[in-house]
Amino acid sequence: MSFVKDIHERISILEFVTKHTGHCFRQLRGREYWLGQCPFCQNKKVFWVNTLTGFCGCWRAKCQADAPGGGRPMDVINFYARLYHVDNSQAIADLGRLL
């Protein structure tokens, strides 16, 4: 199993986002879809987390435009990198220490 795959499988995106932002998320559309405050643009009810796919992102166009990669959905590695202003290789190393 690859190191990156191990990170994705062992770190819950919802628990990670909640812990590292301090924001609460409300469940929508079944069990896997959650909505809350965006840690990047600070708008409420625009940041989504999908526990089934392991991705998250913001629906606001400005927040998406300001994001590295053009606002594509983020996995736990991309989220960590953007939140803490590090590159993906540093994010992988940091997240690996959490396992």
Foldseek 3Di string as FASTA:
>chain_A
DDLVVVLLVPDQLQVLCCVVQVWDWDDDDPDFKTFAADSQPRDTRFWMGGRVVQWIWGPDCVSQCPQPPSTDTDHQLSVQCRNVVHDSVVSSVVSSVVD
